[in-house]
Each structure stands twice: as C-alpha cells, then as structure tokens.
Amino acid sequence: MNKESANSLTRRIVIGMFAGILLGTIFQAMLPKGGDLLIPLYLFDFSVRGFFVDGIFEIGGKIFVSSLQMLVVPLVFVSLICGTCSLNDTSKLGRIGGRAVGLYLLTTAIAITLAIIAALIVQPGEGVNMASDVTYGAKEAPSLAQVIINMFPSNPFDAFVEGNMLQIIVFALLFGLAVALAGKSGERIASMFEDFNEVIMRLVVILMNLAPYGVFCLMTTLFTELEFEKITSLVKYFLLVLGVLVIHALVTYPVILKLMTGLNPVIFIKKLRTTALFAFSTASSNATIPSTMNTTTKKLGVNNSIASFTVPLGATINMDGTAIMQGVATVFIAQVFNIDLSVSDFLMVIVTATLASVGTAGVPGVGLIMLAMVLAQVGLPVEGIGLIIGVDRLLDMVRTAVNITGDSMVTVIVGKSEGQLDEAVYNSEDDTSKDRIDFHHLKE
C-alpha cells in the first residue's frame, strides 16, 4: 500500500464513520434508554452521556456541520459571480438554467416512478398493524406562484442571513451579469472575486481534511440515539426505500450519464465517493455544496461557470432521494390503511411530487412537507406519515447522498453539452491529493 493511498481522505472518512458507528452502538448498549450511566468518583458522579455523547461528540459533530454551512453562502455567491463573469455569451445562462432544471425534473420523475413500481411489486405495507395513536401535523407548503415571487429578494442581505439559496442564486446571477457588462470597472471587480474564490476554495480543502473527525462525532451521536426496534418493525419498508435509492444512484444515473455524454460512468461514481460520504454523514445537500463544488470542478473537470450554477441549484431543487421515499411511502401508507389507488392516482403522485420538488424548495422539513402534499392529493391520511418518521433519519442520510450524486451528474451533462468539460481531467486517475493540503506549507 503506497503512502498516497494510505492517507486518502476517503479512506480516513470511512474509518471515522465505522469507528463512530461502533462506538455509538457500544454507548447504546451501555446506556439505559433515555437515561445515563453515572460512575461515582471521589467528589462527584461522572456522567458518561453528559461527558461523551451530549458533550464531546455532539459538540464536535455540530461544529463540523456548522463549519461546512458557514462556507455555503459565500462559496455559492462568489463562485456564481465568477462563473457568470467568465461566460463569453451571457445569453447562455437561460439555456444552461433551462437544461439543468429540465434534467433535475426528469430524474425526479424517474425516481418516483421507479419507487412506485418497486413498492407495488414488494408491497411493504402488507401485514403492518396501523397504530391507533399515529399523528402528524403537516406544515402548509407555499404555492408555486409564491415560490417564484420569493425567488427575488427584496433585501439580499436578509437572503444571506437566512441562507435562502434561491434568492442568493438570483441575486448572484444579476450581480454577475452587471459585472460582466460594466467594462473596465467590472473587470477589476471580477478579478477581486476570482481572488476571493481561490481563498474560499482553499478554506474548503482545509475543512475537508477535518472531515474524518467530524464524521466520527456525527456517527457516534447518531448511533447512540438510533432506535433499532423501529427499523426492525418497518424492516420491509426500510430495506425497499434503501434498495431503490441504491439502484437509482448506481444504475439510473450512470445510464443517463452514458447515454447523454458517452463518458465512463464508473469513473464518475469512483470520483464522487468522498462527496457522497460527506452527504451521508451531514444529511444536508447544502452543507455538502463545498465538497460537491470541489469534486465537480477539480476531479470531474467541469468549468466553474457551469458548476457554480448547477450545483447550488441542484442542492435546492433536486429531490430525487426524497421522491423515492415519497413513492414507496405513498404505496406503504395506502396498503396500511387498506386504500386502493388507481393508475390515475399514481400518475398524479408522479406529477405532484415532481413539481413539488421545485415548489417546496428551501422550506424546512421539505421531505415530509412534500409527502404531505402528495398524500393529500390522492386522498390518503396525512397522519400516516407518523408511521415512518421513526426510520426516516437514517434514510435521510442515504437520500442526501443520492441527491448530490444527481446534482453532480447533471453538472457533468450540462458542462459536456456546453463544451465546458475538460475530459482529460474527467478521465484522469482519481488524485486524492486534490482533497488534501500540506499544513506544513501553510506554516512557512
């Protein structure tokens, strides 16, 4: 084993992940459910949960996720301005945006169709006893018209503070266009933003090197609190959603990539593994944007003018993983409540979920809000969502990994179609040094 392989970021993240899972499982076995283990010392009782689970590991995990989220707004804003400025023909923006949104909606429609077909074959709700105390309070989703209105910020600084990605994208595009059209003044501003972008990307790489420790803390906390008995009681539903997610990521995406670009999908999957681990551990597409940008531009060879637009847009509206959960959950809840759905009902589910992936963009708890919309559309009880909430946390991690895979695939396809993809970089061997940074050099 060479030194480069031994020190690869992916290997260290995997080690951190499994170490966290193991330690979390040990803590769960040691600690009483919802309780603590106190070790009497000379002057006080030492709290195992308070010091380790709620202390060191929860703090470490939250700091890691917060550090990634800290970079999202400046990274998206600065890189999108740089990308817009670098386009020779600013009219390309409309074509790039239309193609990206169309591809995101297409993959979402495929995802939920695949999920419904698999659920009808496997029948995950068969034999499940409906709990009488199941409840769920669904939040109201905004209308599509309101979402379009809300895309345009009345105050861009409020959008930065709130992390409203759609508003940030719109403002950055307008600002970038203005810079591109401003002549000499615009050139000076563009040069400054290019320097900003280099600094932010360096900060991204530094934080990526801390990922193994953050992932270790996140996995330890999660598996200490994970309720395995709920997964056991819904094992058929859980495994079906998991299986369809894996098929969509490892079959649907590679096939689409191959058909639309002719590129080798094996290289794509291999180079995306580090970012997929980021997404799995954070369960947040937005928090994974720095890693996704790094992978699509430096490893997959997509020009920043494309990636800076399609990646944050995908993190906001691409809901393939959530669509799969909705498809399986709709069939599952219908079977649990003994309600028969017609072919037209299933078509309505596909259309509603696909359009809702844009209509509910940026709304907290978006997955369950979208599911509530879908269930209401076909007359299923929204309270049925309470059945699957218990196992949703772990599935949410896998869904996020699937979503960022879709973001990256669309980015590569759009980059290839626009002539903004360096195939030599794409086809090169996966250089793990692009994920690493020489800290000794920084000290010099």
Protein backbone atom coordinates (compact mmCIF):
# COMPACT_ATOMS: atom_id res chain seq x y z
CA MET A 1 0.00 0.00 0.00
CA ASN A 2 1.54 3.31 -1.06
CA LYS A 3 1.60 6.36 1.13
CA GLU A 4 -0.88 8.28 -1.04
CA SER A 5 -3.46 5.50 -0.77
CA ALA A 6 -2.99 5.12 2.96
CA ASN A 7 -3.56 8.82 3.51
CA SER A 8 -6.54 9.20 1.18
CA LEU A 9 -9.37 11.31 2.52
CA THR A 10 -11.97 8.74 1.53
CA ARG A 11 -10.21 6.00 3.50
CA ARG A 12 -9.96 8.20 6.57
CA ILE A 13 -13.62 9.20 6.36
CA VAL A 14 -14.68 5.55 6.08
CA ILE A 15 -12.54 4.68 9.11
CA GLY A 16 -14.05 7.58 11.05
CA MET A 17 -17.57 6.56 10.03
CA PHE A 18 -17.29 2.92 11.07
CA ALA A 19 -15.43 3.82 14.25
CA GLY A 20 -18.28 6.19 15.13
CA ILE A 21 -20.92 3.56 14.34
CA LEU A 22 -19.11 1.03 16.53
CA LEU A 23 -18.64 3.42 19.44
CA GLY A 24 -22.24 4.67 19.18
CA THR A 25 -23.55 1.11 19.25
CA ILE A 26 -21.44 0.40 22.33
CA PHE A 27 -22.80 3.51 24.06
CA GLN A 28 -26.36 2.47 23.20
CA ALA A 29 -25.77 -0.94 24.77
CA MET A 30 -24.20 0.63 27.88
CA LEU A 31 -26.69 3.44 28.48
CA PRO A 32 -30.30 2.85 29.55
CA LYS A 33 -32.85 4.15 27.03
CA GLY A 34 -33.18 7.90 27.54
CA GLY A 35 -31.03 7.62 30.68
CA ASP A 36 -27.45 7.95 31.77
CA LEU A 37 -24.65 5.93 33.33
CA LEU A 38 -23.13 7.56 36.39
CA ILE A 39 -19.70 6.49 37.63
CA PRO A 40 -19.11 7.52 41.25
CA LEU A 41 -15.87 9.36 41.79
CA TYR A 42 -14.43 10.85 44.99
CA LEU A 43 -16.19 14.23 44.81
CA PHE A 44 -18.90 13.75 42.15
CA ASP A 45 -20.64 11.27 39.86
CA PHE A 46 -19.13 11.14 36.38
CA SER A 47 -21.84 11.25 33.64
CA VAL A 48 -20.97 9.08 30.63
CA ARG A 49 -23.75 10.55 28.48
CA GLY A 50 -23.12 14.11 29.59
CA PHE A 51 -19.37 14.00 29.01
CA PHE A 52 -19.18 11.86 25.85
CA VAL A 53 -22.48 11.72 23.92
CA ASP A 54 -24.01 15.11 24.81
CA GLY A 55 -20.59 16.66 25.33
CA ILE A 56 -17.53 15.86 23.23
CA PHE A 57 -19.19 14.06 20.32
CA GLU A 58 -22.28 16.25 19.94
CA ILE A 59 -20.16 19.41 20.14
CA GLY A 60 -17.62 18.04 17.64
CA GLY A 61 -20.33 16.95 15.16
CA LYS A 62 -22.24 20.22 15.34
CA ILE A 63 -19.09 22.31 14.94
CA PHE A 64 -18.18 20.28 11.84
CA VAL A 65 -21.60 20.73 10.22
CA SER A 66 -21.71 24.42 11.18
CA SER A 67 -18.26 24.91 9.65
CA LEU A 68 -19.47 23.46 6.34
CA GLN A 69 -22.67 25.51 6.43
CA MET A 70 -20.59 28.59 7.19
CA LEU A 71 -18.99 28.28 3.75
CA VAL A 72 -22.15 27.68 1.74
CA VAL A 73 -23.39 31.27 1.29
CA PRO A 74 -20.01 32.90 0.48
CA LEU A 75 -19.00 29.95 -1.72
CA VAL A 76 -22.21 29.97 -3.77
CA PHE A 77 -22.30 33.75 -4.07
CA VAL A 78 -18.65 34.25 -5.00
CA SER A 79 -18.32 31.23 -7.31
CA LEU A 80 -21.58 32.03 -9.11
CA ILE A 81 -20.45 35.61 -9.75
CA CYS A 82 -17.12 34.30 -11.05
CA GLY A 83 -18.89 31.78 -13.25
CA THR A 84 -21.30 34.34 -14.68
CA CYS A 85 -18.49 36.80 -15.40
CA SER A 86 -16.48 34.14 -17.23
CA LEU A 87 -19.26 33.31 -19.70
CA ASN A 88 -18.38 34.80 -23.07
CA ASP A 89 -22.04 34.87 -24.05
CA THR A 90 -24.26 35.85 -21.13
CA SER A 91 -27.34 34.66 -23.06
CA LYS A 92 -26.10 31.13 -22.34
CA LEU A 93 -27.41 31.48 -18.78
CA GLY A 94 -31.01 30.95 -19.86
CA ARG A 95 -30.08 27.84 -21.85
CA ILE A 96 -27.93 26.42 -19.04
CA GLY A 97 -30.63 27.07 -16.46
CA GLY A 98 -33.39 25.59 -18.58
CA ARG A 99 -31.35 22.47 -19.34
CA ALA A 100 -30.38 22.00 -15.67
CA VAL A 101 -33.93 22.42 -14.34
CA GLY A 102 -35.28 20.11 -17.05
CA LEU A 103 -32.77 17.39 -16.16
CA TYR A 104 -33.48 17.73 -12.43
CA LEU A 105 -37.23 17.35 -13.02
CA LEU A 106 -36.64 14.40 -15.37
CA THR A 107 -34.55 12.47 -12.86
CA THR A 108 -37.08 13.22 -10.09
CA ALA A 109 -39.92 11.83 -12.24
CA ILE A 110 -37.85 8.71 -12.99
CA ALA A 111 -37.03 8.30 -9.30
CA ILE A 112 -40.62 8.36 -8.05
CA THR A 113 -41.82 6.15 -10.91
CA LEU A 114 -39.17 3.59 -10.06
CA ALA A 115 -40.13 3.77 -6.37
CA ILE A 116 -43.86 3.25 -7.05
CA ILE A 117 -43.24 0.27 -9.33
CA ALA A 118 -40.91 -1.35 -6.77
CA ALA A 119 -43.40 -0.72 -3.93
CA LEU A 120 -46.30 -2.24 -5.90
CA ILE A 121 -44.21 -5.35 -6.51
CA VAL A 122 -42.83 -5.76 -2.96
CA GLN A 123 -45.93 -4.44 -1.07
CA PRO A 124 -44.12 -3.11 2.03
CA GLY A 125 -47.38 -2.28 3.88
CA GLU A 126 -48.75 -5.78 3.78
CA GLY A 127 -49.25 -7.17 7.30
CA VAL A 128 -48.35 -3.91 9.10
CA ASN A 129 -50.66 -3.11 12.01
CA MET A 130 -51.77 0.52 11.99
CA ALA A 131 -51.02 2.22 15.31
CA SER A 132 -54.11 3.99 16.65
CA ASP A 133 -52.10 6.87 18.10
CA VAL A 134 -50.29 7.79 14.87
CA THR A 135 -50.37 11.55 14.34
CA TYR A 136 -48.58 14.04 12.16
CA GLY A 137 -49.11 17.78 11.81
CA ALA A 138 -48.35 18.77 8.22
CA LYS A 139 -46.98 22.22 7.51
CA GLU A 140 -48.58 24.13 4.67
CA ALA A 141 -46.43 24.33 1.56
CA PRO A 142 -46.27 27.58 -0.43
CA SER A 143 -47.90 27.78 -3.84
CA LEU A 144 -45.75 27.66 -6.97
CA ALA A 145 -46.62 31.31 -7.69
CA GLN A 146 -45.43 32.33 -4.23
CA VAL A 147 -42.20 30.37 -4.69
CA ILE A 148 -41.50 32.25 -7.95
CA ILE A 149 -42.18 35.58 -6.22
CA ASN A 150 -39.96 34.60 -3.28
CA MET A 151 -37.05 33.83 -5.62
CA PHE A 152 -36.41 37.56 -5.97
CA PRO A 153 -35.02 39.10 -2.78
CA SER A 154 -36.39 42.43 -1.59
CA ASN A 155 -33.29 42.62 0.61
CA PRO A 156 -30.30 40.47 -0.49
CA PHE A 157 -28.66 40.82 2.91
CA ASP A 158 -31.70 39.15 4.51
CA ALA A 159 -31.25 36.31 1.99
CA PHE A 160 -27.61 35.94 3.07
CA VAL A 161 -28.53 35.91 6.76
CA GLU A 162 -31.35 33.39 6.29
CA GLY A 163 -29.41 31.22 3.83
CA ASN A 164 -32.20 31.44 1.23
CA MET A 165 -30.41 29.71 -1.65
CA LEU A 166 -32.85 30.55 -4.45
CA GLN A 167 -32.69 34.26 -3.61
CA ILE A 168 -28.90 34.14 -3.32
CA ILE A 169 -28.64 32.43 -6.72
CA VAL A 170 -30.87 35.02 -8.39
CA PHE A 171 -29.01 37.98 -6.84
CA ALA A 172 -25.61 36.48 -7.69
CA LEU A 173 -26.66 35.93 -11.32
CA LEU A 174 -27.90 39.52 -11.65
CA PHE A 175 -24.80 40.89 -9.94
CA GLY A 176 -22.53 38.74 -12.13
CA LEU A 177 -24.28 39.94 -15.29
CA ALA A 178 -23.86 43.54 -14.17
CA VAL A 179 -20.15 42.97 -13.51
CA ALA A 180 -19.72 41.35 -16.94
CA LEU A 181 -21.36 44.36 -18.63
CA ALA A 182 -19.58 47.06 -16.61
CA GLY A 183 -16.44 47.31 -18.73
CA LYS A 184 -13.15 48.19 -17.00
CA SER A 185 -14.80 48.63 -13.60
CA GLY A 186 -16.37 45.21 -13.96
CA GLU A 187 -13.01 43.66 -14.84
CA ARG A 188 -11.49 44.97 -11.61
CA ILE A 189 -14.43 43.66 -9.57
CA ALA A 190 -14.26 40.30 -11.36
CA SER A 191 -10.54 40.00 -10.58
CA MET A 192 -11.26 40.65 -6.90
CA PHE A 193 -13.95 37.97 -6.81
CA GLU A 194 -11.58 35.48 -8.51
CA ASP A 195 -9.14 36.06 -5.64
CA PHE A 196 -11.96 35.61 -3.13
CA ASN A 197 -12.91 32.36 -4.83
CA GLU A 198 -9.36 30.99 -4.55
CA VAL A 199 -9.27 31.77 -0.82
CA ILE A 200 -12.68 30.20 -0.17
CA MET A 201 -11.78 27.04 -2.09
CA ARG A 202 -8.59 26.74 -0.04
CA LEU A 203 -10.71 27.00 3.10
CA VAL A 204 -12.96 24.26 1.70
CA VAL A 205 -9.96 21.93 1.31
CA ILE A 206 -8.77 22.68 4.85
CA LEU A 207 -12.18 21.77 6.29
CA MET A 208 -12.37 18.64 4.14
CA ASN A 209 -9.25 17.38 5.88
CA LEU A 210 -11.07 17.65 9.20
CA ALA A 211 -13.99 15.59 7.87
CA PRO A 212 -12.92 12.20 9.34
CA TYR A 213 -13.12 13.63 12.87
CA GLY A 214 -16.44 15.37 12.23
CA VAL A 215 -17.92 12.23 10.68
CA PHE A 216 -16.71 10.18 13.66
CA CYS A 217 -18.52 12.52 16.07
CA LEU A 218 -21.72 12.59 13.98
CA MET A 219 -21.91 8.81 13.65
CA THR A 220 -21.23 8.25 17.34
CA THR A 221 -24.05 10.60 18.37
CA LEU A 222 -26.50 9.19 15.80
CA PHE A 223 -25.98 5.52 16.59
CA THR A 224 -26.16 6.17 20.33
CA GLU A 225 -29.69 7.52 19.90
CA LEU A 226 -30.87 5.41 16.90
CA GLU A 227 -33.97 3.34 17.70
CA PHE A 228 -33.19 -0.01 16.11
CA GLU A 229 -36.52 -1.52 17.21
CA LYS A 230 -38.40 0.90 14.93
CA ILE A 231 -36.24 -0.11 11.98
CA THR A 232 -36.94 -3.77 12.81
CA SER A 233 -40.70 -3.21 12.88
CA LEU A 234 -40.59 -1.46 9.49
CA VAL A 235 -37.78 -3.53 8.00
CA LYS A 236 -39.61 -4.21 4.71
CA TYR A 237 -40.29 -0.51 4.10
CA PHE A 238 -36.79 0.47 5.24
CA LEU A 239 -34.98 -2.03 3.00
CA LEU A 240 -37.18 -1.23 0.00
CA VAL A 241 -36.50 2.51 0.19
CA LEU A 242 -32.80 1.79 0.72
CA GLY A 243 -32.72 -0.61 -2.25
CA VAL A 244 -34.41 1.79 -4.66
CA LEU A 245 -32.09 4.61 -3.54
CA VAL A 246 -29.05 2.45 -4.30
CA ILE A 247 -30.45 1.37 -7.69
CA HIS A 248 -31.20 4.96 -8.67
CA ALA A 249 -27.70 6.12 -7.70
CA LEU A 250 -25.75 3.21 -9.19
CA VAL A 251 -27.92 2.33 -12.22
CA THR A 252 -30.20 5.21 -13.28
CA TYR A 253 -27.61 7.98 -13.03
CA PRO A 254 -24.79 6.07 -14.75
CA VAL A 255 -27.11 5.02 -17.60
CA ILE A 256 -28.32 8.62 -18.15
CA LEU A 257 -24.73 9.89 -17.98
CA LYS A 258 -23.53 7.33 -20.52
CA LEU A 259 -26.44 7.95 -22.94
CA MET A 260 -26.16 11.74 -22.83
CA THR A 261 -22.38 12.21 -22.74
CA GLY A 262 -20.68 8.93 -23.66
CA LEU A 263 -18.43 9.35 -20.60
CA ASN A 264 -17.40 6.40 -18.45
CA PRO A 265 -19.87 6.27 -15.51
CA VAL A 266 -17.52 4.11 -13.41
CA ILE A 267 -15.05 7.00 -13.24
CA PHE A 268 -17.90 9.30 -12.21
CA ILE A 269 -19.04 7.06 -9.33
CA LYS A 270 -15.45 6.48 -8.18
CA LYS A 271 -14.59 10.17 -8.04
CA LEU A 272 -17.81 11.03 -6.23
CA ARG A 273 -17.29 8.68 -3.27
CA THR A 274 -15.74 11.27 -0.93
CA THR A 275 -18.54 13.77 -1.55
CA ALA A 276 -21.14 11.03 -1.12
CA LEU A 277 -19.66 10.23 2.29
CA PHE A 278 -19.87 13.92 3.19
CA ALA A 279 -23.53 13.96 2.19
CA PHE A 280 -24.29 10.76 4.08
CA SER A 281 -22.71 12.00 7.29
CA THR A 282 -24.22 15.50 7.24
CA ALA A 283 -27.65 14.60 5.74
CA SER A 284 -27.63 18.07 4.16
CA SER A 285 -27.23 18.86 0.45
CA ASN A 286 -26.49 22.49 1.31
CA ALA A 287 -23.76 21.58 3.80
CA THR A 288 -22.23 19.32 1.12
CA ILE A 289 -22.07 22.09 -1.53
CA PRO A 290 -18.38 22.91 -0.81
CA SER A 291 -17.37 19.28 -1.34
CA THR A 292 -19.63 18.89 -4.41
CA MET A 293 -18.13 22.02 -5.99
CA ASN A 294 -14.61 20.77 -5.30
CA THR A 295 -15.35 17.37 -6.86
CA THR A 296 -17.19 18.59 -9.96
CA THR A 297 -14.60 21.22 -10.85
CA LYS A 298 -11.30 19.66 -9.77
CA LYS A 299 -11.96 15.93 -10.23
CA LEU A 300 -14.66 15.78 -12.92
CA GLY A 301 -13.33 18.70 -14.95
CA VAL A 302 -16.47 20.86 -15.16
CA ASN A 303 -15.77 24.57 -15.66
CA ASN A 304 -16.69 26.75 -12.68
CA SER A 305 -19.03 28.80 -14.89
CA ILE A 306 -21.31 25.74 -15.07
CA ALA A 307 -20.76 24.10 -11.67
CA SER A 308 -21.24 27.35 -9.76
CA PHE A 309 -24.79 27.50 -11.12
CA THR A 310 -25.95 23.87 -11.37
CA VAL A 311 -24.59 22.61 -8.03
CA PRO A 312 -26.32 25.13 -5.70
CA LEU A 313 -29.46 24.96 -7.87
CA GLY A 314 -29.47 21.17 -7.56
CA ALA A 315 -28.91 21.32 -3.81
CA THR A 316 -32.03 23.48 -3.65
CA ILE A 317 -34.48 21.82 -6.05
CA ASN A 318 -33.16 18.31 -6.80
CA MET A 319 -35.22 15.93 -4.64
CA ASP A 320 -34.63 12.51 -6.22
CA GLY A 321 -33.95 10.78 -2.91
CA THR A 322 -36.99 12.39 -1.32
CA ALA A 323 -39.10 11.44 -4.36
CA ILE A 324 -38.13 7.79 -3.88
CA MET A 325 -39.18 7.96 -0.24
CA GLN A 326 -42.49 9.53 -1.30
CA GLY A 327 -43.21 6.86 -3.89
CA VAL A 328 -42.59 3.98 -1.51
CA ALA A 329 -44.30 5.76 1.42
CA THR A 330 -47.43 6.51 -0.64
CA VAL A 331 -47.90 2.84 -1.53
CA PHE A 332 -46.95 1.77 2.01
CA ILE A 333 -49.48 4.09 3.69
CA ALA A 334 -52.21 3.15 1.19
CA GLN A 335 -51.67 -0.54 1.97
CA VAL A 336 -51.58 0.04 5.73
CA PHE A 337 -54.92 1.89 5.61
CA ASN A 338 -56.35 -0.56 3.03
CA ILE A 339 -56.98 2.14 0.44
CA ASP A 340 -56.78 1.20 -3.23
CA LEU A 341 -55.13 3.69 -5.57
CA SER A 342 -55.92 3.79 -9.30
CA VAL A 343 -53.48 4.27 -12.17
CA SER A 344 -54.58 7.92 -12.41
CA ASP A 345 -53.80 8.34 -8.69
CA PHE A 346 -50.27 7.08 -9.22
CA LEU A 347 -49.82 9.39 -12.22
CA MET A 348 -51.00 12.26 -10.01
CA VAL A 349 -48.43 11.24 -7.38
CA ILE A 350 -45.65 11.36 -10.00
CA VAL A 351 -46.68 14.77 -11.35
CA THR A 352 -47.30 16.29 -7.91
CA ALA A 353 -44.02 15.09 -6.41
CA THR A 354 -42.02 16.20 -9.46
CA LEU A 355 -43.45 19.72 -9.50
CA ALA A 356 -43.36 19.96 -5.70
CA SER A 357 -39.59 19.43 -5.81
CA VAL A 358 -39.41 23.00 -7.14
CA GLY A 359 -42.44 24.37 -5.32
CA THR A 360 -41.18 23.44 -1.84
CA ALA A 361 -37.52 24.34 -2.42
CA GLY A 362 -35.92 25.90 0.62
CA VAL A 363 -38.77 25.00 3.00
CA PRO A 364 -37.65 23.44 6.35
CA GLY A 365 -38.65 19.76 6.65
CA VAL A 366 -39.09 19.71 2.88
CA GLY A 367 -39.29 15.91 2.53
CA LEU A 368 -42.22 15.46 4.87
CA ILE A 369 -43.98 18.58 3.56
CA MET A 370 -43.75 17.19 0.02
CA LEU A 371 -45.05 13.82 1.22
CA ALA A 372 -47.99 15.52 2.97
CA MET A 373 -48.85 17.30 -0.30
CA VAL A 374 -48.69 14.04 -2.26
CA LEU A 375 -50.84 12.12 0.24
CA ALA A 376 -53.48 14.87 0.34
CA GLN A 377 -53.58 14.97 -3.46
CA VAL A 378 -54.69 11.32 -3.69
CA GLY A 379 -56.86 11.27 -0.57
CA LEU A 380 -54.57 9.34 1.77
CA PRO A 381 -54.47 10.22 5.50
CA VAL A 382 -51.58 12.58 6.23
CA GLU A 383 -51.37 11.07 9.73
CA GLY A 384 -49.79 8.01 8.12
CA ILE A 385 -46.51 9.94 7.94
CA GLY A 386 -46.20 9.31 11.68
CA LEU A 387 -45.62 5.63 10.88
CA ILE A 388 -42.36 6.23 9.04
CA ILE A 389 -40.84 9.15 10.95
CA GLY A 390 -39.01 6.76 13.28
CA VAL A 391 -36.84 5.34 10.50
CA ASP A 392 -36.59 8.48 8.41
CA ARG A 393 -33.38 9.83 9.97
CA LEU A 394 -31.12 7.09 8.68
CA LEU A 395 -32.83 7.01 5.28
CA ASP A 396 -32.44 10.79 5.05
CA MET A 397 -28.66 10.35 5.12
CA VAL A 398 -28.80 7.97 2.16
CA ARG A 399 -31.26 10.22 0.32
CA THR A 400 -28.84 13.13 0.61
CA ALA A 401 -26.02 11.06 -0.89
CA VAL A 402 -28.32 10.17 -3.80
CA ASN A 403 -29.34 13.81 -4.27
CA ILE A 404 -25.78 15.12 -4.54
CA THR A 405 -24.98 12.30 -6.99
CA GLY A 406 -27.79 13.63 -9.15
CA ASP A 407 -26.51 17.21 -8.74
CA SER A 408 -23.06 16.14 -9.93
CA MET A 409 -24.41 14.09 -12.84
CA VAL A 410 -26.49 16.98 -14.16
CA THR A 411 -23.49 19.29 -13.74
CA VAL A 412 -21.33 16.97 -15.86
CA ILE A 413 -24.03 16.61 -18.55
CA VAL A 414 -24.60 20.37 -18.80
CA GLY A 415 -20.85 21.00 -18.79
CA LYS A 416 -20.33 18.50 -21.60
CA SER A 417 -23.20 19.91 -23.69
CA GLU A 418 -21.83 23.45 -23.32
CA GLY A 419 -18.24 22.48 -24.15
CA GLN A 420 -17.22 23.38 -20.60
CA LEU A 421 -15.93 19.94 -19.54
CA ASP A 422 -12.25 19.00 -19.57
CA GLU A 423 -12.38 15.32 -20.49
CA ALA A 424 -8.68 14.88 -19.72
CA VAL A 425 -9.38 15.81 -16.10
CA TYR A 426 -12.51 13.65 -16.03
CA ASN A 427 -10.70 10.58 -17.35
CA SER A 428 -7.58 11.04 -15.23
CA GLU A 429 -6.90 8.79 -12.28
CA ASP A 430 -8.59 9.89 -9.05
CA ASP A 431 -5.93 12.11 -7.47
CA THR A 432 -6.65 12.12 -3.74
CA SER A 433 -4.15 14.93 -3.30
CA LYS A 434 -6.88 17.25 -4.57
CA ASP A 435 -8.66 16.60 -1.31
CA ARG A 436 -5.60 17.23 0.79
CA ILE A 437 -3.50 20.20 1.82
CA ASP A 438 0.03 20.44 3.12
CA PHE A 439 -0.35 22.10 6.51
CA HIS A 440 3.43 22.38 6.89
CA HIS A 441 3.47 24.55 3.77
CA LEU A 442 0.93 26.89 5.37
CA LYS A 443 3.23 27.43 8.34
CA GLU A 444 6.15 28.51 6.22
